[in-house]
Amino acid sequence: MSMLEKQQSFTIIPAIDIIDGKCVRLVKGDYKQKTVYHEDPLHAAKQFEDAGLQRLHLVDLDGAKAGKVVNWKVLENISSHTNLIIDFGGGIKTEQDLQTVFSAGAQMAAIGSMAVKNEKQFLQWVSEYGADKFFLGADVKDNQIAISGWLENTSIDIFSFLEKYLAQGVDHVFCTDISKDGMLEGPATDLYKQVMKRFPTIRLVASGGVSNVNDLYELKNTGCTGAIVGKAFYENKISLLDVRQFA
């Protein structure tokens, strides 16, 4: 049993998004709508760890935009100074990127665009490293996949996308409804219910829109195994004390 499987059935995963080495949040993935919350992401990571959280979703927004891993030193710093189980995403395109991310301390690589644009390469990585080393990101707009830091839409249906990769053993998935992200207006609960109904064995993590503790209970009731929480922490909509009940 892996470290991930040993965790509770519903896991709160704090998110740290990085631009220029700083912890930021965007609105609907818009790089122009940026708020800096921590100059030092390690400070934020330690706060999450001190609150009893065990996971961290670390996103290299510079990397997502550039198409290559940029902020790997932030990952290295957090992984060497905390015991958090870190998944890292943003700009992982090559084998070298992947090795950089794992060498810098990530337990999982979060893969989104790569799984759309270079399916053959991604499946080769899954075969080589094992499916549990990957956190498949499905960013959705109107039930269709969006990629490249949400800068590019596709005509790929979310359900066919998930079905294809579940058949290959990739079942750690996080799904973000772009219209919800950074808005603090509630998560895409109906979408997650549809996904869970169609794929009951998927280990689905909700992402985007979480604004209060009730949202977390609602997501847990959909069958999701966890939720990524970002802006709600930074805007004090959810306190670190609130999430102890899920730890």
C-alpha atoms as a PDB file:
ATOM      1  CA  MET A   1       0.000   0.000   0.000  1.00  0.00           C
ATOM      2  CA  SER A   2       1.388   3.389  -1.019  1.00  0.00           C
ATOM      3  CA  MET A   3       1.597   6.475   1.181  1.00  0.00           C
ATOM      4  CA  LEU A   4      -1.307   7.913  -0.739  1.00  0.00           C
ATOM      5  CA  GLU A   5      -3.507   4.868  -0.143  1.00  0.00           C
ATOM      6  CA  LYS A   6      -2.819   4.958   3.582  1.00  0.00           C
ATOM      7  CA  GLN A   7      -4.404   8.364   3.895  1.00  0.00           C
ATOM      8  CA  GLN A   8      -7.974   9.027   4.921  1.00  0.00           C
ATOM      9  CA  SER A   9     -10.800   8.606   2.413  1.00  0.00           C
ATOM     10  CA  PHE A  10     -11.121  12.370   1.928  1.00  0.00           C
ATOM     11  CA  THR A  11      -7.925  14.387   1.807  1.00  0.00           C
ATOM     12  CA  ILE A  12      -7.587  18.163   1.845  1.00  0.00           C
ATOM     13  CA  ILE A  13      -4.759  19.124  -0.502  1.00  0.00           C
ATOM     14  CA  PRO A  14      -3.577  22.736  -0.187  1.00  0.00           C
ATOM     15  CA  ALA A  15      -2.426  24.389  -3.390  1.00  0.00           C
ATOM     16  CA  ILE A  16       0.558  26.628  -3.880  1.00  0.00           C
ATOM     17  CA  ASP A  17       0.807  28.249  -7.302  1.00  0.00           C
ATOM     18  CA  ILE A  18       4.174  29.730  -8.213  1.00  0.00           C
ATOM     19  CA  ILE A  19       5.047  32.726 -10.368  1.00  0.00           C
ATOM     20  CA  ASP A  20       8.518  34.267 -10.075  1.00  0.00           C
ATOM     21  CA  GLY A  21       9.202  32.040  -7.074  1.00  0.00           C
ATOM     22  CA  LYS A  22       6.248  33.489  -5.124  1.00  0.00           C
ATOM     23  CA  CYS A  23       2.966  31.979  -3.949  1.00  0.00           C
ATOM     24  CA  VAL A  24       0.163  33.486  -6.019  1.00  0.00           C
ATOM     25  CA  ARG A  25      -3.421  32.811  -7.073  1.00  0.00           C
ATOM     26  CA  LEU A  26      -5.057  33.570 -10.387  1.00  0.00           C
ATOM     27  CA  VAL A  27      -8.710  34.088 -11.295  1.00  0.00           C
ATOM     28  CA  LYS A  28      -9.963  31.584 -13.902  1.00  0.00           C
ATOM     29  CA  GLY A  29      -6.364  30.881 -14.878  1.00  0.00           C
ATOM     30  CA  ASP A  30      -5.839  34.469 -16.063  1.00  0.00           C
ATOM     31  CA  TYR A  31      -2.197  35.456 -15.571  1.00  0.00           C
ATOM     32  CA  LYS A  32      -3.244  39.112 -15.616  1.00  0.00           C
ATOM     33  CA  GLN A  33      -5.477  38.578 -12.575  1.00  0.00           C
ATOM     34  CA  LYS A  34      -2.743  37.665 -10.102  1.00  0.00           C
ATOM     35  CA  THR A  35      -2.532  38.129  -6.332  1.00  0.00           C
ATOM     36  CA  VAL A  36       0.688  37.439  -4.412  1.00  0.00           C
ATOM     37  CA  TYR A  37      -0.041  35.802  -1.045  1.00  0.00           C
ATOM     38  CA  HIS A  38       3.402  34.725   0.132  1.00  0.00           C
ATOM     39  CA  GLU A  39       6.799  35.941  -0.992  1.00  0.00           C
ATOM     40  CA  ASP A  40       8.206  32.654   0.342  1.00  0.00           C
ATOM     41  CA  PRO A  41       6.161  29.535  -0.582  1.00  0.00           C
ATOM     42  CA  LEU A  42       8.010  27.506   2.063  1.00  0.00           C
ATOM     43  CA  HIS A  43       6.361  29.629   4.758  1.00  0.00           C
ATOM     44  CA  ALA A  44       2.930  28.695   3.388  1.00  0.00           C
ATOM     45  CA  ALA A  45       3.896  25.018   3.088  1.00  0.00           C
ATOM     46  CA  LYS A  46       5.055  24.889   6.702  1.00  0.00           C
ATOM     47  CA  GLN A  47       1.779  26.414   7.858  1.00  0.00           C
ATOM     48  CA  PHE A  48      -0.124  23.675   6.054  1.00  0.00           C
ATOM     49  CA  GLU A  49       2.094  20.975   7.517  1.00  0.00           C
ATOM     50  CA  ASP A  50       1.792  22.424  11.035  1.00  0.00           C
ATOM     51  CA  ALA A  51      -2.001  22.227  10.670  1.00  0.00           C
ATOM     52  CA  GLY A  52      -1.751  18.472  10.114  1.00  0.00           C
ATOM     53  CA  LEU A  53      -2.157  18.424   6.347  1.00  0.00           C
ATOM     54  CA  GLN A  54      -0.039  15.804   4.583  1.00  0.00           C
ATOM     55  CA  ARG A  55      -0.327  16.647   0.896  1.00  0.00           C
ATOM     56  CA  LEU A  56       0.657  19.620  -1.250  1.00  0.00           C
ATOM     57  CA  HIS A  57      -0.334  20.503  -4.810  1.00  0.00           C
ATOM     58  CA  LEU A  58       2.503  22.645  -6.166  1.00  0.00           C
ATOM     59  CA  VAL A  59       1.918  24.333  -9.512  1.00  0.00           C
ATOM     60  CA  ASP A  60       4.615  25.970 -11.601  1.00  0.00           C
ATOM     61  CA  LEU A  61       2.576  28.591 -13.465  1.00  0.00           C
ATOM     62  CA  ASP A  62       5.707  29.967 -15.110  1.00  0.00           C
ATOM     63  CA  GLY A  63       6.425  26.445 -16.304  1.00  0.00           C
ATOM     64  CA  ALA A  64       2.897  25.915 -17.616  1.00  0.00           C
ATOM     65  CA  LYS A  65       3.248  29.066 -19.696  1.00  0.00           C
ATOM     66  CA  ALA A  66       6.824  28.375 -20.841  1.00  0.00           C
ATOM     67  CA  GLY A  67       6.291  24.705 -21.676  1.00  0.00           C
ATOM     68  CA  LYS A  68       9.154  23.597 -19.445  1.00  0.00           C
ATOM     69  CA  VAL A  69       9.733  23.251 -15.705  1.00  0.00           C
ATOM     70  CA  VAL A  70      10.917  26.582 -14.271  1.00  0.00           C
ATOM     71  CA  ASN A  71      10.390  26.701 -10.500  1.00  0.00           C
ATOM     72  CA  TRP A  72      11.910  23.367  -9.515  1.00  0.00           C
ATOM     73  CA  LYS A  73      14.037  25.030  -6.814  1.00  0.00           C
ATOM     74  CA  VAL A  74      10.853  25.979  -4.950  1.00  0.00           C
ATOM     75  CA  LEU A  75       9.893  22.293  -5.001  1.00  0.00           C
ATOM     76  CA  GLU A  76      13.342  21.285  -3.786  1.00  0.00           C
ATOM     77  CA  ASN A  77      13.210  23.806  -0.941  1.00  0.00           C
ATOM     78  CA  ILE A  78       9.770  22.696   0.259  1.00  0.00           C
ATOM     79  CA  SER A  79      10.505  18.983  -0.070  1.00  0.00           C
ATOM     80  CA  SER A  80      13.762  19.292   1.872  1.00  0.00           C
ATOM     81  CA  HIS A  81      12.214  21.320   4.712  1.00  0.00           C
ATOM     82  CA  THR A  82       8.855  19.542   5.140  1.00  0.00           C
ATOM     83  CA  ASN A  83       7.499  15.996   5.096  1.00  0.00           C
ATOM     84  CA  LEU A  84       4.611  16.882   2.804  1.00  0.00           C
ATOM     85  CA  ILE A  85       3.696  14.478   0.006  1.00  0.00           C
ATOM     86  CA  ILE A  86       4.063  16.775  -2.974  1.00  0.00           C
ATOM     87  CA  ASP A  87       2.641  16.551  -6.448  1.00  0.00           C
ATOM     88  CA  PHE A  88       4.215  19.027  -8.847  1.00  0.00           C
ATOM     89  CA  GLY A  89       2.849  20.211 -12.172  1.00  0.00           C
ATOM     90  CA  GLY A  90       3.361  22.863 -14.792  1.00  0.00           C
ATOM     91  CA  GLY A  91       5.573  22.564 -17.858  1.00  0.00           C
ATOM     92  CA  ILE A  92       6.492  18.875 -17.607  1.00  0.00           C
ATOM     93  CA  LYS A  93       7.078  18.012 -21.271  1.00  0.00           C
ATOM     94  CA  THR A  94      10.249  15.953 -21.485  1.00  0.00           C
ATOM     95  CA  GLU A  95      11.921  13.057 -19.721  1.00  0.00           C
ATOM     96  CA  GLN A  96      14.427  15.546 -18.335  1.00  0.00           C
ATOM     97  CA  ASP A  97      11.601  17.657 -16.880  1.00  0.00           C
ATOM     98  CA  LEU A  98      10.144  14.569 -15.258  1.00  0.00           C
ATOM     99  CA  GLN A  99      13.461  13.498 -13.762  1.00  0.00           C
ATOM    100  CA  THR A 100      14.068  17.051 -12.514  1.00  0.00           C
ATOM    101  CA  VAL A 101      10.715  17.028 -10.722  1.00  0.00           C
ATOM    102  CA  PHE A 102      11.238  13.627  -9.100  1.00  0.00           C
ATOM    103  CA  SER A 103      14.846  14.445  -8.168  1.00  0.00           C
ATOM    104  CA  ALA A 104      13.716  17.693  -6.556  1.00  0.00           C
ATOM    105  CA  GLY A 105      11.415  15.759  -4.234  1.00  0.00           C
ATOM    106  CA  ALA A 106       7.990  15.373  -5.814  1.00  0.00           C
ATOM    107  CA  GLN A 107       6.277  12.056  -5.123  1.00  0.00           C
ATOM    108  CA  MET A 108       3.930  12.583  -8.052  1.00  0.00           C
ATOM    109  CA  ALA A 109       4.056  14.484 -11.324  1.00  0.00           C
ATOM    110  CA  ALA A 110       0.866  16.343 -12.172  1.00  0.00           C
ATOM    111  CA  ILE A 111       0.317  15.946 -15.911  1.00  0.00           C
ATOM    112  CA  GLY A 112      -2.321  17.749 -17.947  1.00  0.00           C
ATOM    113  CA  SER A 113      -1.348  19.166 -21.333  1.00  0.00           C
ATOM    114  CA  MET A 114       1.168  16.402 -21.939  1.00  0.00           C
ATOM    115  CA  ALA A 115      -1.533  13.731 -21.678  1.00  0.00           C
ATOM    116  CA  VAL A 116      -3.470  15.520 -24.408  1.00  0.00           C
ATOM    117  CA  LYS A 117      -0.689  16.568 -26.773  1.00  0.00           C
ATOM    118  CA  ASN A 118       1.660  13.615 -26.459  1.00  0.00           C
ATOM    119  CA  GLU A 119      -0.334  10.606 -25.338  1.00  0.00           C
ATOM    120  CA  LYS A 120       2.303   8.133 -26.533  1.00  0.00           C
ATOM    121  CA  GLN A 121       5.056   9.747 -24.438  1.00  0.00           C
ATOM    122  CA  PHE A 122       2.844   9.991 -21.360  1.00  0.00           C
ATOM    123  CA  LEU A 123       1.834   6.330 -21.540  1.00  0.00           C
ATOM    124  CA  GLN A 124       5.487   5.405 -21.924  1.00  0.00           C
ATOM    125  CA  TRP A 125       6.199   7.281 -18.678  1.00  0.00           C
ATOM    126  CA  VAL A 126       3.300   5.496 -16.968  1.00  0.00           C
ATOM    127  CA  SER A 127       4.758   2.175 -18.068  1.00  0.00           C
ATOM    128  CA  GLU A 128       8.257   3.127 -16.951  1.00  0.00           C
ATOM    129  CA  TYR A 129       7.549   4.821 -13.609  1.00  0.00           C
ATOM    130  CA  GLY A 130       4.174   3.320 -12.645  1.00  0.00           C
ATOM    131  CA  ALA A 131       0.705   4.881 -12.721  1.00  0.00           C
ATOM    132  CA  ASP A 132       0.865   5.889  -9.043  1.00  0.00           C
ATOM    133  CA  LYS A 133       3.620   8.386  -9.846  1.00  0.00           C
ATOM    134  CA  PHE A 134       1.214  10.499 -11.887  1.00  0.00           C
ATOM    135  CA  PHE A 135      -1.622  12.836 -10.938  1.00  0.00           C
ATOM    136  CA  LEU A 136      -3.652  13.312 -14.105  1.00  0.00           C
ATOM    137  CA  GLY A 137      -5.073  16.800 -14.452  1.00  0.00           C
ATOM    138  CA  ALA A 138      -8.342  17.261 -16.295  1.00  0.00           C
ATOM    139  CA  ASP A 139      -9.035  20.970 -16.685  1.00  0.00           C
ATOM    140  CA  VAL A 140     -12.544  21.418 -18.000  1.00  0.00           C
ATOM    141  CA  LYS A 141     -14.545  24.146 -19.717  1.00  0.00           C
ATOM    142  CA  ASP A 142     -18.081  23.225 -20.779  1.00  0.00           C
ATOM    143  CA  ASN A 143     -17.214  19.528 -20.284  1.00  0.00           C
ATOM    144  CA  GLN A 144     -14.241  19.782 -22.657  1.00  0.00           C
ATOM    145  CA  ILE A 145     -10.541  19.622 -21.828  1.00  0.00           C
ATOM    146  CA  ALA A 146      -8.462  22.818 -21.746  1.00  0.00           C
ATOM    147  CA  ILE A 147      -4.659  22.774 -21.763  1.00  0.00           C
ATOM    148  CA  SER A 148      -1.486  24.879 -21.578  1.00  0.00           C
ATOM    149  CA  GLY A 149      -2.354  26.654 -18.362  1.00  0.00           C
ATOM    150  CA  TRP A 150      -5.940  26.943 -19.684  1.00  0.00           C
ATOM    151  CA  LEU A 151      -4.737  29.135 -22.527  1.00  0.00           C
ATOM    152  CA  GLU A 152      -5.902  26.602 -25.135  1.00  0.00           C
ATOM    153  CA  ASN A 153      -9.255  24.861 -25.515  1.00  0.00           C
ATOM    154  CA  THR A 154      -9.750  21.455 -27.142  1.00  0.00           C
ATOM    155  CA  SER A 155     -12.728  19.485 -28.431  1.00  0.00           C
ATOM    156  CA  ILE A 156     -11.887  16.495 -26.218  1.00  0.00           C
ATOM    157  CA  ASP A 157     -14.754  15.348 -24.016  1.00  0.00           C
ATOM    158  CA  ILE A 158     -13.873  14.932 -20.308  1.00  0.00           C
ATOM    159  CA  PHE A 159     -15.494  11.499 -20.083  1.00  0.00           C
ATOM    160  CA  SER A 160     -13.717   9.971 -23.079  1.00  0.00           C
ATOM    161  CA  PHE A 161     -10.455  11.490 -21.827  1.00  0.00           C
ATOM    162  CA  LEU A 162     -10.828   9.842 -18.412  1.00  0.00           C
ATOM    163  CA  GLU A 163     -12.039   6.543 -19.850  1.00  0.00           C
ATOM    164  CA  LYS A 164      -8.934   6.249 -22.026  1.00  0.00           C
ATOM    165  CA  TYR A 165      -6.486   6.749 -19.174  1.00  0.00           C
ATOM    166  CA  LEU A 166      -8.395   4.718 -16.596  1.00  0.00           C
ATOM    167  CA  ALA A 167      -8.064   1.808 -19.017  1.00  0.00           C
ATOM    168  CA  GLN A 168      -4.291   2.313 -18.767  1.00  0.00           C
ATOM    169  CA  GLY A 169      -4.339   2.215 -14.954  1.00  0.00           C
ATOM    170  CA  VAL A 170      -4.114   5.966 -14.370  1.00  0.00           C
ATOM    171  CA  ASP A 171      -6.715   6.604 -11.684  1.00  0.00           C
ATOM    172  CA  HIS A 172      -5.244   9.457  -9.588  1.00  0.00           C
ATOM    173  CA  VAL A 173      -7.097  12.356 -11.201  1.00  0.00           C
ATOM    174  CA  PHE A 174      -7.800  15.948 -10.287  1.00  0.00           C
ATOM    175  CA  CYS A 175     -10.479  17.798 -12.168  1.00  0.00           C
ATOM    176  CA  THR A 176     -10.838  21.573 -12.339  1.00  0.00           C
ATOM    177  CA  ASP A 177     -13.807  23.431 -13.769  1.00  0.00           C
ATOM    178  CA  ILE A 178     -12.099  26.564 -15.080  1.00  0.00           C
ATOM    179  CA  SER A 179     -15.245  28.647 -14.683  1.00  0.00           C
ATOM    180  CA  LYS A 180     -15.118  27.978 -10.931  1.00  0.00           C
ATOM    181  CA  ASP A 181     -11.432  28.415 -10.223  1.00  0.00           C
ATOM    182  CA  GLY A 182     -10.450  31.358  -8.064  1.00  0.00           C
ATOM    183  CA  MET A 183     -14.047  32.569  -7.866  1.00  0.00           C
ATOM    184  CA  LEU A 184     -14.947  31.257  -4.374  1.00  0.00           C
ATOM    185  CA  GLU A 185     -18.435  30.532  -5.701  1.00  0.00           C
ATOM    186  CA  GLY A 186     -18.572  26.821  -4.943  1.00  0.00           C
ATOM    187  CA  PRO A 187     -17.167  23.744  -6.731  1.00  0.00           C
ATOM    188  CA  ALA A 188     -18.482  21.944  -9.812  1.00  0.00           C
ATOM    189  CA  THR A 189     -20.344  19.359  -7.740  1.00  0.00           C
ATOM    190  CA  ASP A 190     -22.639  18.213 -10.543  1.00  0.00           C
ATOM    191  CA  LEU A 191     -19.678  17.495 -12.814  1.00  0.00           C
ATOM    192  CA  TYR A 192     -17.969  15.421 -10.116  1.00  0.00           C
ATOM    193  CA  LYS A 193     -21.172  13.469  -9.474  1.00  0.00           C
ATOM    194  CA  GLN A 194     -21.344  12.651 -13.188  1.00  0.00           C
ATOM    195  CA  VAL A 195     -17.721  11.519 -13.231  1.00  0.00           C
ATOM    196  CA  MET A 196     -18.140   9.336 -10.124  1.00  0.00           C
ATOM    197  CA  LYS A 197     -21.310   7.775 -11.489  1.00  0.00           C
ATOM    198  CA  ARG A 198     -19.558   6.852 -14.723  1.00  0.00           C
ATOM    199  CA  PHE A 199     -16.240   5.819 -13.146  1.00  0.00           C
ATOM    200  CA  PRO A 200     -16.946   4.650  -9.569  1.00  0.00           C
ATOM    201  CA  THR A 201     -13.398   3.357  -8.968  1.00  0.00           C
ATOM    202  CA  ILE A 202     -11.617   6.587  -9.929  1.00  0.00           C
ATOM    203  CA  ARG A 203      -9.629   8.397  -7.231  1.00  0.00           C
ATOM    204  CA  LEU A 204     -11.005  11.813  -8.082  1.00  0.00           C
ATOM    205  CA  VAL A 205      -9.817  15.011  -6.427  1.00  0.00           C
ATOM    206  CA  ALA A 206     -11.988  18.094  -6.869  1.00  0.00           C
ATOM    207  CA  SER A 207     -10.321  21.395  -7.690  1.00  0.00           C
ATOM    208  CA  GLY A 208     -11.617  24.926  -8.050  1.00  0.00           C
ATOM    209  CA  GLY A 209     -14.314  26.969  -6.404  1.00  0.00           C
ATOM    210  CA  VAL A 210     -14.101  25.662  -2.827  1.00  0.00           C
ATOM    211  CA  SER A 211     -15.203  28.564  -0.632  1.00  0.00           C
ATOM    212  CA  ASN A 212     -16.208  27.102   2.751  1.00  0.00           C
ATOM    213  CA  VAL A 213     -16.228  23.959   4.859  1.00  0.00           C
ATOM    214  CA  ASN A 214     -19.713  22.994   3.644  1.00  0.00           C
ATOM    215  CA  ASP A 215     -18.279  22.733   0.125  1.00  0.00           C
ATOM    216  CA  LEU A 216     -15.820  20.151   1.427  1.00  0.00           C
ATOM    217  CA  TYR A 217     -18.561  18.020   2.981  1.00  0.00           C
ATOM    218  CA  GLU A 218     -20.559  18.292  -0.231  1.00  0.00           C
ATOM    219  CA  LEU A 219     -17.571  17.125  -2.261  1.00  0.00           C
ATOM    220  CA  LYS A 220     -16.927  14.250   0.111  1.00  0.00           C
ATOM    221  CA  ASN A 221     -20.528  13.138  -0.420  1.00  0.00           C
ATOM    222  CA  THR A 222     -20.013  12.978  -4.187  1.00  0.00           C
ATOM    223  CA  GLY A 223     -17.449  10.216  -3.702  1.00  0.00           C
ATOM    224  CA  CYS A 224     -14.411  12.361  -4.428  1.00  0.00           C
ATOM    225  CA  THR A 225     -11.334  11.210  -2.500  1.00  0.00           C
ATOM    226  CA  GLY A 226     -10.174  14.756  -1.809  1.00  0.00           C
ATOM    227  CA  ALA A 227     -10.235  18.419  -2.682  1.00  0.00           C
ATOM    228  CA  ILE A 228      -7.556  20.885  -3.671  1.00  0.00           C
ATOM    229  CA  VAL A 229      -7.999  24.124  -1.743  1.00  0.00           C
ATOM    230  CA  GLY A 230      -6.155  27.316  -2.590  1.00  0.00           C
ATOM    231  CA  LYS A 231      -7.721  30.743  -2.532  1.00  0.00           C
ATOM    232  CA  ALA A 232     -10.176  29.826   0.242  1.00  0.00           C
ATOM    233  CA  PHE A 233      -7.202  29.355   2.586  1.00  0.00           C
ATOM    234  CA  TYR A 234      -5.440  32.515   1.506  1.00  0.00           C
ATOM    235  CA  GLU A 235      -8.601  34.636   1.767  1.00  0.00           C
ATOM    236  CA  ASN A 236      -9.439  33.113   5.183  1.00  0.00           C
ATOM    237  CA  LYS A 237     -12.707  31.594   3.955  1.00  0.00           C
ATOM    238  CA  ILE A 238     -11.520  28.287   5.400  1.00  0.00           C
ATOM    239  CA  SER A 239      -9.213  28.206   8.388  1.00  0.00           C
ATOM    240  CA  LEU A 240      -6.551  25.610   8.993  1.00  0.00           C
ATOM    241  CA  LEU A 241      -8.471  24.677  12.136  1.00  0.00           C
ATOM    242  CA  ASP A 242     -11.515  23.911   9.991  1.00  0.00           C
ATOM    243  CA  VAL A 243      -9.720  21.196   8.047  1.00  0.00           C
ATOM    244  CA  ARG A 244      -8.420  19.292  11.055  1.00  0.00           C
ATOM    245  CA  GLN A 245     -11.664  17.302  11.077  1.00  0.00           C
ATOM    246  CA  PHE A 246     -10.674  15.843   7.699  1.00  0.00           C
ATOM    247  CA  ALA A 247      -7.078  15.029   8.699  1.00  0.00           C
END
